[in-house]
Amino acid sequence: MLLLISADATYKITYCDIGACGSGSDIGVLENSEFGKMLFNGTLPMPNSTKLPNSNTTAPYVFIGDGGFPLKSYLLKPYPLVSNLSGTRKAFNYRLSRARRVSENTFGIMAARFRIFHTEIDAHEDLVKLIIKAASVLHNFLLVQSDLFELTPDAERNGELILGNWREVNANDNGYINATQLGSNNYSRNSEDIRQLYSEYFVKPENVLPWQNDYIQRGA
């Protein structure tokens, strides 16, 4: 059974879709969810485009995902990893990867907090869905209360990644796994333009992280 979520920067779940087939792909689950349907047909409420920090460039708000999702004007994914990837595109992939840690940590913290997700749940399908819903709500409630139950998310200091301790709790997890990544390569030119816009933004001197270039040169 798959759990599709979107998360904000504080690891709170802003949307979840529960119950898709466990053998489904990322894109298939997204397309069949109510969230995905609204996202793809343009009916999902989104903030208006705004100027990026330290810039006069106006850009749209976007969701981000991994390579298993399609590239859209409102859904960005990394550039494919090839040997001749430009420095600008490497910078984009790096910054996108940093942002995607939020969703990875959201799943990880919830699974570490509620150990029922460390194994198969021996219950009827409807009860399993209720358990996941309850855990999602309680996860958000505890975050609002600033209660991480001594769990720590990933952190980054001067370019060095410090892994959160939730990873140790989930080290032997057999139930919580990533969905297969079987995305589509079809996208519009506008989508590529928006990805390029963000790519160029991340390499402007005023927006480069102090360790960014060194990190990329090391082969990140």
Foldseek 3Di string as FASTA:
>chain_A
DDKDFAADPLLATPDIDDDDDQQDAPAVVLCPDPNNVCVVVVNPDADAWDADPPGPDTAGAADEDEQLAEQESRYDYADDDDPPDDPLSLLLNVVSVVVVLSNVQSVLLLCLVPVCQLDDNPDDPVVVRVVVVVSSVVSNVCSVVVHSVPWDDWDADLRDIDHICSCVSNVNRDRDDDHHRHYDHDYDPSSVVNSVVVSVVCPDPVNDDPCSVVVVVVPD
